[in-house]
Amino acid sequence: QVQLVESGGGLVQTGGSLRLSCAASGRAFSSHAMGWFRQTPGKEREFVAAVSSSGDSTAYAASVKGRFTISRDNAKSTLYLQMDSLKPADTAVYYCAAVAPSRPLGYYSTYEYEYDYWGQGAQVTVSS
């Protein structure tokens, strides 16, 4: 089991930046591929970004590519999402998630169903 706690959400103006953090505890953080998802009321949760267990491989949704950066610090058991050039359409609850360990080196996933552990979510609101 791994426990995940997000922080860093808040209110920001269009064009601003925020950095989300996800602190992990429990099983070895470095053995988990990780991802960020987001959800707005009445909509399905959607993929935002993913990173392999080592941090060497990443993937992004088309809507955030070039504006968001996913990274991880395995020594601190923390996942990050740097969000720049924010838009009102980025307003959502953001969730960090972990894939169960024992996946191939370089593995990451863009599919919600492949994630086994989830944080409680952090609200990000971008005002116009």
C-alpha atoms as a PDB file:
ATOM      1  CA  GLN A   1       0.000   0.000   0.000  1.00  0.00           C
ATOM      2  CA  VAL A   2       1.056   3.565  -0.667  1.00  0.00           C
ATOM      3  CA  GLN A   3      -0.662   6.625   0.709  1.00  0.00           C
ATOM      4  CA  LEU A   4      -0.765   9.817  -1.380  1.00  0.00           C
ATOM      5  CA  VAL A   5      -1.448  13.382  -0.224  1.00  0.00           C
ATOM      6  CA  GLU A   6      -1.666  16.292  -2.673  1.00  0.00           C
ATOM      7  CA  SER A   7      -0.896  19.906  -1.826  1.00  0.00           C
ATOM      8  CA  GLY A   8      -0.278  23.187  -3.603  1.00  0.00           C
ATOM      9  CA  GLY A   9      -3.660  23.821  -5.150  1.00  0.00           C
ATOM     10  CA  GLY A  10      -5.350  27.190  -5.035  1.00  0.00           C
ATOM     11  CA  LEU A  11      -6.662  30.155  -6.987  1.00  0.00           C
ATOM     12  CA  VAL A  12      -4.595  31.749  -9.738  1.00  0.00           C
ATOM     13  CA  GLN A  13      -5.240  34.157 -12.581  1.00  0.00           C
ATOM     14  CA  THR A  14      -5.102  33.220 -16.243  1.00  0.00           C
ATOM     15  CA  GLY A  15      -1.478  32.960 -17.356  1.00  0.00           C
ATOM     16  CA  GLY A  16      -0.244  32.238 -13.854  1.00  0.00           C
ATOM     17  CA  SER A  17       1.573  29.231 -12.437  1.00  0.00           C
ATOM     18  CA  LEU A  18       1.085  26.686  -9.674  1.00  0.00           C
ATOM     19  CA  ARG A  19       3.047  23.670  -8.537  1.00  0.00           C
ATOM     20  CA  LEU A  20       1.238  20.674  -7.145  1.00  0.00           C
ATOM     21  CA  SER A  21       3.034  18.239  -4.878  1.00  0.00           C
ATOM     22  CA  CYS A  22       2.072  14.689  -3.972  1.00  0.00           C
ATOM     23  CA  ALA A  23       3.742  13.236  -0.892  1.00  0.00           C
ATOM     24  CA  ALA A  24       3.856   9.446  -0.740  1.00  0.00           C
ATOM     25  CA  SER A  25       4.225   7.187   2.272  1.00  0.00           C
ATOM     26  CA  GLY A  26       4.137   3.444   2.746  1.00  0.00           C
ATOM     27  CA  ARG A  27       5.726   1.217   0.135  1.00  0.00           C
ATOM     28  CA  ALA A  28       8.859   2.284  -1.760  1.00  0.00           C
ATOM     29  CA  PHE A  29       7.879   5.307  -3.826  1.00  0.00           C
ATOM     30  CA  SER A  30      10.598   4.648  -6.363  1.00  0.00           C
ATOM     31  CA  SER A  31       8.966   1.376  -7.415  1.00  0.00           C
ATOM     32  CA  HIS A  32       5.759   3.067  -8.609  1.00  0.00           C
ATOM     33  CA  ALA A  33       4.995   4.684 -11.944  1.00  0.00           C
ATOM     34  CA  MET A  34       2.959   7.794 -11.153  1.00  0.00           C
ATOM     35  CA  GLY A  35       0.435  10.047 -12.802  1.00  0.00           C
ATOM     36  CA  TRP A  36      -1.755  13.113 -12.478  1.00  0.00           C
ATOM     37  CA  PHE A  37      -5.420  13.191 -13.429  1.00  0.00           C
ATOM     38  CA  ARG A  38      -8.072  15.890 -13.123  1.00  0.00           C
ATOM     39  CA  GLN A  39     -11.839  16.073 -12.882  1.00  0.00           C
ATOM     40  CA  THR A  40     -14.475  18.780 -13.171  1.00  0.00           C
ATOM     41  CA  PRO A  41     -18.089  18.431 -11.960  1.00  0.00           C
ATOM     42  CA  GLY A  42     -20.207  16.317 -14.273  1.00  0.00           C
ATOM     43  CA  LYS A  43     -17.257  15.084 -16.311  1.00  0.00           C
ATOM     44  CA  GLU A  44     -15.128  11.963 -16.351  1.00  0.00           C
ATOM     45  CA  ARG A  45     -11.728  12.059 -14.721  1.00  0.00           C
ATOM     46  CA  GLU A  46      -9.105  12.714 -17.405  1.00  0.00           C
ATOM     47  CA  PHE A  47      -5.425  11.982 -17.791  1.00  0.00           C
ATOM     48  CA  VAL A  48      -3.009  14.891 -17.406  1.00  0.00           C
ATOM     49  CA  ALA A  49       0.535  13.519 -17.138  1.00  0.00           C
ATOM     50  CA  ALA A  50       2.478  10.368 -16.258  1.00  0.00           C
ATOM     51  CA  VAL A  51       6.022   9.470 -15.305  1.00  0.00           C
ATOM     52  CA  SER A  52       7.926   6.203 -15.026  1.00  0.00           C
ATOM     53  CA  SER A  53       9.294   4.975 -11.701  1.00  0.00           C
ATOM     54  CA  SER A  54      12.771   6.325 -12.471  1.00  0.00           C
ATOM     55  CA  GLY A  55      11.484   9.611 -13.865  1.00  0.00           C
ATOM     56  CA  ASP A  56      13.142   9.042 -17.238  1.00  0.00           C
ATOM     57  CA  SER A  57       9.934   8.612 -19.257  1.00  0.00           C
ATOM     58  CA  THR A  58       6.990  10.999 -19.301  1.00  0.00           C
ATOM     59  CA  ALA A  59       3.733  11.531 -21.160  1.00  0.00           C
ATOM     60  CA  TYR A  60       1.254  14.401 -21.348  1.00  0.00           C
ATOM     61  CA  ALA A  61      -2.276  15.032 -22.482  1.00  0.00           C
ATOM     62  CA  ALA A  62      -2.378  17.157 -25.627  1.00  0.00           C
ATOM     63  CA  SER A  63      -4.248  19.880 -23.769  1.00  0.00           C
ATOM     64  CA  VAL A  64      -1.377  20.476 -21.317  1.00  0.00           C
ATOM     65  CA  LYS A  65       1.701  19.557 -23.339  1.00  0.00           C
ATOM     66  CA  GLY A  66       4.194  22.406 -23.381  1.00  0.00           C
ATOM     67  CA  ARG A  67       2.574  24.076 -20.344  1.00  0.00           C
ATOM     68  CA  PHE A  68       2.742  21.403 -17.613  1.00  0.00           C
ATOM     69  CA  THR A  69       5.764  19.446 -16.403  1.00  0.00           C
ATOM     70  CA  ILE A  70       5.629  16.268 -14.350  1.00  0.00           C
ATOM     71  CA  SER A  71       8.629  15.309 -12.243  1.00  0.00           C
ATOM     72  CA  ARG A  72       9.503  13.264  -9.200  1.00  0.00           C
ATOM     73  CA  ASP A  73      12.070  13.217  -6.424  1.00  0.00           C
ATOM     74  CA  ASN A  74      12.417   9.619  -5.308  1.00  0.00           C
ATOM     75  CA  ALA A  75      14.695  10.600  -2.421  1.00  0.00           C
ATOM     76  CA  LYS A  76      11.848  12.740  -1.025  1.00  0.00           C
ATOM     77  CA  SER A  77       9.055  10.350  -2.085  1.00  0.00           C
ATOM     78  CA  THR A  78       7.325  13.250  -3.818  1.00  0.00           C
ATOM     79  CA  LEU A  79       5.670  13.748  -7.199  1.00  0.00           C
ATOM     80  CA  TYR A  80       5.271  17.207  -8.726  1.00  0.00           C
ATOM     81  CA  LEU A  81       3.199  18.892 -11.400  1.00  0.00           C
ATOM     82  CA  GLN A  82       4.452  22.304 -12.499  1.00  0.00           C
ATOM     83  CA  MET A  83       1.620  24.129 -14.230  1.00  0.00           C
ATOM     84  CA  ASP A  84       2.439  27.233 -16.273  1.00  0.00           C
ATOM     85  CA  SER A  85       0.371  29.455 -18.578  1.00  0.00           C
ATOM     86  CA  LEU A  86      -2.758  28.331 -16.795  1.00  0.00           C
ATOM     87  CA  LYS A  87      -6.151  28.736 -18.449  1.00  0.00           C
ATOM     88  CA  PRO A  88      -9.690  28.711 -17.020  1.00  0.00           C
ATOM     89  CA  ALA A  89     -10.157  25.336 -18.753  1.00  0.00           C
ATOM     90  CA  ASP A  90      -7.513  23.924 -16.369  1.00  0.00           C
ATOM     91  CA  THR A  91      -9.838  24.489 -13.412  1.00  0.00           C
ATOM     92  CA  ALA A  92     -10.435  21.086 -11.806  1.00  0.00           C
ATOM     93  CA  VAL A  93      -9.675  18.839  -8.876  1.00  0.00           C
ATOM     94  CA  TYR A  94      -6.268  17.316  -9.512  1.00  0.00           C
ATOM     95  CA  TYR A  95      -5.435  13.809  -8.305  1.00  0.00           C
ATOM     96  CA  CYS A  96      -2.111  12.060  -8.076  1.00  0.00           C
ATOM     97  CA  ALA A  97      -2.092   8.307  -8.528  1.00  0.00           C
ATOM     98  CA  ALA A  98       0.292   5.369  -8.352  1.00  0.00           C
ATOM     99  CA  VAL A  99       0.508   2.172 -10.358  1.00  0.00           C
ATOM    100  CA  ALA A 100       1.180  -1.039  -8.430  1.00  0.00           C
ATOM    101  CA  PRO A 101       4.905  -1.903  -8.468  1.00  0.00           C
ATOM    102  CA  SER A 102       6.725  -4.632 -10.426  1.00  0.00           C
ATOM    103  CA  ARG A 103       6.217  -3.060 -13.844  1.00  0.00           C
ATOM    104  CA  PRO A 104       8.920  -3.023 -16.555  1.00  0.00           C
ATOM    105  CA  LEU A 105      11.598  -0.377 -16.468  1.00  0.00           C
ATOM    106  CA  GLY A 106      10.390   2.773 -18.183  1.00  0.00           C
ATOM    107  CA  TYR A 107       6.721   1.855 -17.836  1.00  0.00           C
ATOM    108  CA  TYR A 108       4.061   4.535 -17.394  1.00  0.00           C
ATOM    109  CA  SER A 109       0.338   4.623 -18.069  1.00  0.00           C
ATOM    110  CA  THR A 110      -2.167   7.120 -19.404  1.00  0.00           C
ATOM    111  CA  TYR A 111      -5.142   4.927 -18.419  1.00  0.00           C
ATOM    112  CA  GLU A 112      -7.027   5.564 -15.197  1.00  0.00           C
ATOM    113  CA  TYR A 113      -7.900   1.876 -14.680  1.00  0.00           C
ATOM    114  CA  GLU A 114      -4.223   0.945 -14.414  1.00  0.00           C
ATOM    115  CA  TYR A 115      -3.717   3.078 -11.309  1.00  0.00           C
ATOM    116  CA  ASP A 116      -4.200   1.376  -7.965  1.00  0.00           C
ATOM    117  CA  TYR A 117      -3.683   4.134  -5.419  1.00  0.00           C
ATOM    118  CA  TRP A 118      -5.156   7.637  -5.392  1.00  0.00           C
ATOM    119  CA  GLY A 119      -4.805  10.807  -3.378  1.00  0.00           C
ATOM    120  CA  GLN A 120      -7.737  12.838  -2.072  1.00  0.00           C
ATOM    121  CA  GLY A 121      -7.404  15.583  -4.669  1.00  0.00           C
ATOM    122  CA  ALA A 122      -6.405  19.255  -4.737  1.00  0.00           C
ATOM    123  CA  GLN A 123      -8.578  22.032  -6.135  1.00  0.00           C
ATOM    124  CA  VAL A 124      -7.058  24.276  -8.793  1.00  0.00           C
ATOM    125  CA  THR A 125      -9.093  27.285  -9.888  1.00  0.00           C
ATOM    126  CA  VAL A 126      -7.986  29.578 -12.705  1.00  0.00           C
ATOM    127  CA  SER A 127      -9.841  32.859 -12.927  1.00  0.00           C
ATOM    128  CA  SER A 128     -10.329  34.743 -16.184  1.00  0.00           C
END
